[in-house]
């Protein structure tokens, strides 16, 4: 994965977190849902990893649930799940980026 791709991923994940900060959920919020899904689509264009793609599907499902009519407690649980998935996604991408960089250094050294 290129440095530019890694940066696109980091930016999309940052924007996801900003949507969560701005729109807390628990009520219908089509604008927040669309913005969140936009970031997921951005990630789908860049990430070629089956586990990450499965996490994106789960993120979209949780966001659909969050930005619909929900009691406050359920919305808070969903926000926690989304934050955890975003953090896991970020860690997985960073680890794969480090592995890419190491392989590149190993190739150059050979």
Protein backbone atom coordinates (compact mmCIF):
# COMPACT_ATOMS: atom_id res chain seq x y z
CA UNK A 1 0.00 0.00 0.00
CA UNK A 2 1.43 3.36 -0.98
CA UNK A 3 2.00 6.26 1.37
CA UNK A 4 -0.72 8.22 -0.47
CA UNK A 5 -3.20 5.37 0.08
CA UNK A 6 -2.34 5.18 3.76
CA UNK A 7 -2.88 8.93 4.05
CA UNK A 8 -6.28 8.68 2.32
CA UNK A 9 -7.27 5.96 4.78
CA UNK A 10 -6.13 7.99 7.80
CA UNK A 11 -8.03 11.04 6.51
CA UNK A 12 -11.24 9.06 5.96
CA UNK A 13 -11.02 7.55 9.45
CA UNK A 14 -10.45 11.02 10.93
CA UNK A 15 -13.53 12.30 9.10
CA UNK A 16 -15.58 9.34 10.43
CA UNK A 17 -14.62 10.29 13.97
CA UNK A 18 -15.61 13.91 13.27
CA UNK A 19 -19.05 12.77 12.12
CA UNK A 20 -19.43 10.87 15.41
CA UNK A 21 -18.39 13.98 17.37
CA UNK A 22 -20.79 16.21 15.45
CA UNK A 23 -23.81 13.92 15.23
CA UNK A 24 -24.45 11.85 18.34
CA UNK A 25 -27.24 9.69 16.90
CA UNK A 26 -30.40 8.38 18.47
CA UNK A 27 -32.54 10.19 15.94
CA UNK A 28 -32.97 10.18 12.19
CA UNK A 29 -30.02 12.08 10.70
CA UNK A 30 -29.74 11.40 6.98
CA UNK A 31 -26.97 13.97 6.53
CA UNK A 32 -24.72 12.38 9.17
CA UNK A 33 -25.42 8.89 7.79
CA UNK A 34 -24.59 9.99 4.25
CA UNK A 35 -21.38 11.68 5.42
CA UNK A 36 -20.36 8.58 7.38
CA UNK A 37 -21.13 6.28 4.46
CA UNK A 38 -19.15 8.56 2.14
CA UNK A 39 -16.08 7.88 4.26
CA UNK A 40 -16.76 4.15 4.12
CA UNK A 41 -16.96 4.32 0.33
CA UNK A 42 -13.68 6.22 0.26
CA UNK A 43 -12.09 3.42 2.27
CA UNK A 44 -13.55 0.72 0.04
CA UNK A 45 -11.81 2.35 -2.93
CA UNK A 46 -8.42 2.14 -1.24
CA UNK A 47 -8.45 -0.96 0.98
CA UNK A 48 -7.92 -4.37 -0.57
CA UNK A 49 -8.29 -6.51 2.54
CA UNK A 50 -11.24 -8.84 3.16
CA UNK A 51 -11.24 -8.30 6.94
CA UNK A 52 -11.21 -4.51 6.56
CA UNK A 53 -14.03 -4.72 4.03
CA UNK A 54 -16.06 -6.82 6.47
CA UNK A 55 -15.41 -4.19 9.16
CA UNK A 56 -16.64 -1.49 6.77
CA UNK A 57 -19.87 -3.41 6.20
CA UNK A 58 -20.34 -3.63 9.96
CA UNK A 59 -19.56 0.09 10.36
CA UNK A 60 -22.25 0.96 7.81
CA UNK A 61 -24.80 -1.25 9.60
CA UNK A 62 -24.01 0.32 12.97
CA UNK A 63 -24.19 3.83 11.46
CA UNK A 64 -27.60 3.06 9.91
CA UNK A 65 -28.79 1.95 13.33
CA UNK A 66 -27.20 4.90 15.12
CA UNK A 67 -28.67 7.54 12.82
CA UNK A 68 -32.23 6.28 13.14
CA UNK A 69 -34.69 6.65 16.00
CA UNK A 70 -33.01 4.94 18.96
CA UNK A 71 -33.13 5.36 22.71
CA UNK A 72 -30.14 7.25 24.12
CA UNK A 73 -28.59 4.18 25.77
CA UNK A 74 -28.67 2.17 22.52
CA UNK A 75 -27.18 5.11 20.61
CA UNK A 76 -24.31 5.33 23.11
CA UNK A 77 -23.62 1.58 22.76
CA UNK A 78 -23.56 1.94 18.97
CA UNK A 79 -21.20 4.91 19.16
CA UNK A 80 -18.86 2.82 21.31
CA UNK A 81 -18.97 -0.06 18.84
CA UNK A 82 -18.26 2.27 15.93
CA UNK A 83 -15.35 3.91 17.74
CA UNK A 84 -13.88 0.49 18.56
CA UNK A 85 -14.20 -0.66 14.94
CA UNK A 86 -12.58 2.54 13.66
CA UNK A 87 -9.71 2.07 16.12
CA UNK A 88 -9.27 -1.59 15.06
CA UNK A 89 -9.37 -0.55 11.41
CA UNK A 90 -6.73 2.12 12.01
CA UNK A 91 -4.44 -0.36 13.80
CA UNK A 92 -4.83 -2.98 11.06
CA UNK A 93 -4.03 -0.47 8.33
CA UNK A 94 -1.02 0.91 10.18
CA UNK A 95 0.34 -2.58 10.74
CA UNK A 96 -0.08 -3.47 7.08
CA UNK A 97 1.62 -0.19 6.13
CA UNK A 98 4.60 -1.03 8.33
CA UNK A 99 4.81 -4.47 6.76
CA UNK A 100 4.76 -2.88 3.31
CA UNK A 101 7.56 -0.50 4.26
CA UNK A 102 9.65 -3.35 5.68
CA UNK A 103 9.20 -5.44 2.54
CA UNK A 104 10.24 -2.44 0.43
CA UNK A 105 13.38 -1.90 2.54
CA UNK A 106 14.19 -5.61 2.33
CA UNK A 107 13.82 -5.54 -1.46
CA UNK A 108 16.05 -2.49 -1.79
CA UNK A 109 18.71 -4.13 0.42
CA UNK A 110 18.75 -7.32 -1.68
